[in-house]
Amino acid sequence: MSDTLMWEVRAVPGRRDDLLRWVEATVQREADIYLGGQDRIVVIARGVAKLPDPPEELVARPVHQWPFQHHRRVAGE
């Protein structure tokens, strides 16, 4: 059973901040939000099976979502 979702989207050039505001307002669960190159936003959310798609005018291509099951945490030195 999956308990973690990786959600990735690419913003239309120049619209990453708008898309980021939408993501922050929409993701209401425990989640980490990452910013990447080429106007990408990645969300790692726990306890959610799927996140909604953002408004079409903000995205350069469809959202990608992958469910994962947490295995374990490894402590670093």
N, C-alpha and C. Protein backbone atom coordinates (compact mmCIF):
# COMPACT_ATOMS: atom_id res chain seq x y z
N MET A 1 0.84 -1.19 0.00
CA MET A 1 0.00 0.00 0.00
C MET A 1 0.88 1.25 0.00
N SER A 2 0.60 2.19 -0.86
CA SER A 2 1.39 3.41 -0.97
C SER A 2 0.99 4.40 0.12
N ASP A 3 1.98 5.09 0.66
CA ASP A 3 1.70 6.09 1.69
C ASP A 3 2.36 7.44 1.38
N THR A 4 3.09 7.50 0.29
CA THR A 4 3.80 8.72 -0.09
C THR A 4 3.60 8.96 -1.58
N LEU A 5 3.43 10.22 -1.93
CA LEU A 5 3.23 10.58 -3.32
C LEU A 5 4.29 11.57 -3.75
N MET A 6 4.90 11.31 -4.90
CA MET A 6 5.79 12.29 -5.53
C MET A 6 5.01 12.89 -6.68
N TRP A 7 4.86 14.20 -6.66
CA TRP A 7 4.06 14.95 -7.64
C TRP A 7 4.97 15.97 -8.28
N GLU A 8 5.06 15.98 -9.61
CA GLU A 8 5.98 16.88 -10.30
C GLU A 8 5.27 17.58 -11.45
N VAL A 9 5.54 18.88 -11.58
CA VAL A 9 4.92 19.68 -12.62
C VAL A 9 5.93 20.70 -13.14
N ARG A 10 5.75 21.10 -14.38
CA ARG A 10 6.60 22.11 -14.99
C ARG A 10 5.73 23.30 -15.36
N ALA A 11 6.10 24.46 -14.88
CA ALA A 11 5.32 25.67 -15.13
C ALA A 11 5.59 26.23 -16.52
N VAL A 12 4.62 26.94 -17.03
CA VAL A 12 4.81 27.73 -18.24
C VAL A 12 5.92 28.75 -17.93
N PRO A 13 6.85 28.99 -18.84
CA PRO A 13 7.92 29.96 -18.57
C PRO A 13 7.36 31.28 -18.02
N GLY A 14 7.95 31.72 -16.93
CA GLY A 14 7.55 32.96 -16.29
C GLY A 14 6.37 32.83 -15.33
N ARG A 15 5.81 31.63 -15.17
CA ARG A 15 4.63 31.44 -14.31
C ARG A 15 4.92 30.57 -13.09
N ARG A 16 6.21 30.27 -12.83
CA ARG A 16 6.51 29.38 -11.69
C ARG A 16 6.00 29.94 -10.38
N ASP A 17 6.15 31.24 -10.14
CA ASP A 17 5.68 31.82 -8.87
C ASP A 17 4.17 31.68 -8.72
N ASP A 18 3.43 31.86 -9.82
CA ASP A 18 1.97 31.68 -9.78
C ASP A 18 1.62 30.24 -9.48
N LEU A 19 2.32 29.33 -10.14
CA LEU A 19 2.07 27.91 -9.89
C LEU A 19 2.45 27.53 -8.47
N LEU A 20 3.56 28.06 -7.98
CA LEU A 20 3.98 27.78 -6.61
C LEU A 20 2.92 28.26 -5.61
N ARG A 21 2.35 29.43 -5.81
CA ARG A 21 1.28 29.92 -4.92
C ARG A 21 0.08 28.97 -4.96
N TRP A 22 -0.25 28.47 -6.15
CA TRP A 22 -1.36 27.52 -6.27
C TRP A 22 -1.04 26.24 -5.49
N VAL A 23 0.18 25.72 -5.65
CA VAL A 23 0.58 24.50 -4.94
C VAL A 23 0.50 24.72 -3.43
N GLU A 24 1.06 25.81 -2.94
CA GLU A 24 1.05 26.08 -1.50
C GLU A 24 -0.36 26.20 -0.94
N ALA A 25 -1.27 26.78 -1.70
CA ALA A 25 -2.66 26.93 -1.26
C ALA A 25 -3.44 25.62 -1.35
N THR A 26 -3.03 24.73 -2.24
CA THR A 26 -3.77 23.49 -2.50
C THR A 26 -3.32 22.34 -1.63
N VAL A 27 -2.03 22.22 -1.38
CA VAL A 27 -1.49 21.09 -0.60
C VAL A 27 -1.73 21.38 0.88
N GLN A 28 -2.72 20.71 1.43
CA GLN A 28 -3.10 20.94 2.82
C GLN A 28 -2.56 19.89 3.80
N ARG A 29 -1.91 18.88 3.29
CA ARG A 29 -1.37 17.82 4.14
C ARG A 29 0.11 18.05 4.38
N GLU A 30 0.68 17.19 5.22
CA GLU A 30 2.13 17.26 5.43
C GLU A 30 2.83 16.98 4.11
N ALA A 31 3.65 17.94 3.68
CA ALA A 31 4.31 17.78 2.39
C ALA A 31 5.57 18.63 2.35
N ASP A 32 6.50 18.22 1.52
CA ASP A 32 7.70 19.00 1.23
C ASP A 32 7.58 19.48 -0.21
N ILE A 33 7.90 20.76 -0.43
CA ILE A 33 7.83 21.35 -1.76
C ILE A 33 9.24 21.74 -2.18
N TYR A 34 9.63 21.31 -3.36
CA TYR A 34 10.97 21.57 -3.89
C TYR A 34 10.84 22.34 -5.21
N LEU A 35 11.81 23.22 -5.45
CA LEU A 35 11.89 23.96 -6.71
C LEU A 35 13.08 23.43 -7.49
N GLY A 36 12.86 23.18 -8.79
CA GLY A 36 13.93 22.65 -9.61
C GLY A 36 14.14 23.49 -10.85
N GLY A 37 15.10 23.09 -11.64
CA GLY A 37 15.39 23.78 -12.88
C GLY A 37 14.24 23.67 -13.87
N GLN A 38 14.29 24.49 -14.88
CA GLN A 38 13.28 24.51 -15.94
C GLN A 38 11.87 24.71 -15.38
N ASP A 39 11.75 25.57 -14.35
CA ASP A 39 10.44 25.93 -13.76
C ASP A 39 9.68 24.73 -13.20
N ARG A 40 10.41 23.76 -12.65
CA ARG A 40 9.77 22.57 -12.08
C ARG A 40 9.46 22.76 -10.60
N ILE A 41 8.36 22.14 -10.18
CA ILE A 41 7.98 22.07 -8.77
C ILE A 41 7.71 20.60 -8.47
N VAL A 42 8.29 20.13 -7.37
CA VAL A 42 8.09 18.75 -6.93
C VAL A 42 7.51 18.79 -5.52
N VAL A 43 6.49 17.97 -5.29
CA VAL A 43 5.89 17.84 -3.96
C VAL A 43 6.03 16.39 -3.53
N ILE A 44 6.51 16.19 -2.31
CA ILE A 44 6.52 14.87 -1.67
C ILE A 44 5.48 14.96 -0.55
N ALA A 45 4.37 14.26 -0.72
CA ALA A 45 3.26 14.33 0.23
C ALA A 45 3.04 12.97 0.86
N ARG A 46 2.75 12.99 2.14
CA ARG A 46 2.48 11.76 2.87
C ARG A 46 0.98 11.66 3.19
N GLY A 47 0.46 10.46 3.10
CA GLY A 47 -0.92 10.22 3.46
C GLY A 47 -1.93 10.70 2.43
N VAL A 48 -1.50 10.81 1.19
CA VAL A 48 -2.42 11.25 0.14
C VAL A 48 -2.20 10.37 -1.09
N ALA A 49 -3.28 9.96 -1.72
CA ALA A 49 -3.16 9.08 -2.89
C ALA A 49 -2.93 9.85 -4.17
N LYS A 50 -3.45 11.09 -4.24
CA LYS A 50 -3.34 11.88 -5.46
C LYS A 50 -3.54 13.35 -5.12
N LEU A 51 -2.87 14.22 -5.85
CA LEU A 51 -3.10 15.66 -5.73
C LEU A 51 -3.80 16.13 -7.00
N PRO A 52 -4.57 17.20 -6.89
CA PRO A 52 -5.29 17.68 -8.08
C PRO A 52 -4.36 18.28 -9.11
N ASP A 53 -4.85 18.38 -10.32
CA ASP A 53 -4.10 19.03 -11.39
C ASP A 53 -4.25 20.54 -11.25
N PRO A 54 -3.19 21.30 -11.48
CA PRO A 54 -3.28 22.75 -11.42
C PRO A 54 -4.00 23.31 -12.65
N PRO A 55 -4.35 24.59 -12.62
CA PRO A 55 -4.98 25.21 -13.79
C PRO A 55 -4.10 25.05 -15.04
N GLU A 56 -4.72 24.71 -16.15
CA GLU A 56 -3.99 24.43 -17.39
C GLU A 56 -3.12 25.59 -17.85
N GLU A 57 -3.53 26.82 -17.60
CA GLU A 57 -2.75 27.97 -18.07
C GLU A 57 -1.42 28.15 -17.33
N LEU A 58 -1.23 27.40 -16.24
CA LEU A 58 0.02 27.51 -15.47
C LEU A 58 1.04 26.42 -15.81
N VAL A 59 0.61 25.37 -16.51
CA VAL A 59 1.50 24.22 -16.71
C VAL A 59 1.95 24.08 -18.16
N ALA A 60 3.22 23.69 -18.32
CA ALA A 60 3.80 23.50 -19.65
C ALA A 60 3.53 22.11 -20.19
N ARG A 61 3.23 21.18 -19.29
CA ARG A 61 2.92 19.80 -19.68
C ARG A 61 2.14 19.16 -18.54
N PRO A 62 1.52 18.02 -18.76
CA PRO A 62 0.72 17.39 -17.70
C PRO A 62 1.55 17.05 -16.47
N VAL A 63 0.88 17.02 -15.33
CA VAL A 63 1.47 16.63 -14.05
C VAL A 63 1.88 15.16 -14.11
N HIS A 64 2.98 14.83 -13.42
CA HIS A 64 3.38 13.43 -13.23
C HIS A 64 3.25 13.12 -11.75
N GLN A 65 2.67 11.95 -11.43
CA GLN A 65 2.51 11.53 -10.04
C GLN A 65 2.93 10.07 -9.91
N TRP A 66 3.68 9.78 -8.84
CA TRP A 66 4.11 8.42 -8.57
C TRP A 66 3.86 8.09 -7.11
N PRO A 67 3.14 7.01 -6.82
CA PRO A 67 2.96 6.59 -5.44
C PRO A 67 4.15 5.74 -4.98
N PHE A 68 4.51 5.90 -3.71
CA PHE A 68 5.60 5.13 -3.11
C PHE A 68 5.16 4.62 -1.75
N GLN A 69 5.84 3.59 -1.29
CA GLN A 69 5.66 3.10 0.07
C GLN A 69 6.95 3.35 0.82
N HIS A 70 6.85 4.01 1.97
CA HIS A 70 8.05 4.30 2.78
C HIS A 70 8.63 2.99 3.28
N HIS A 71 9.94 2.83 3.14
CA HIS A 71 10.62 1.62 3.60
C HIS A 71 11.31 1.86 4.93
N ARG A 72 12.21 2.84 4.98
CA ARG A 72 12.87 3.16 6.25
C ARG A 72 13.68 4.45 6.08
N ARG A 73 14.06 5.04 7.18
CA ARG A 73 14.90 6.23 7.19
C ARG A 73 16.29 5.80 7.64
N VAL A 74 17.31 6.26 6.91
CA VAL A 74 18.70 5.95 7.24
C VAL A 74 19.31 7.21 7.83
N ALA A 75 19.85 7.10 9.01
CA ALA A 75 20.49 8.26 9.65
C ALA A 75 21.88 8.48 9.08
N GLY A 76 22.15 9.72 8.69
CA GLY A 76 23.47 10.05 8.17
C GLY A 76 24.42 10.42 9.29
N GLU A 77 25.65 10.57 8.93
CA GLU A 77 26.66 10.93 9.93
C GLU A 77 26.87 12.41 9.97
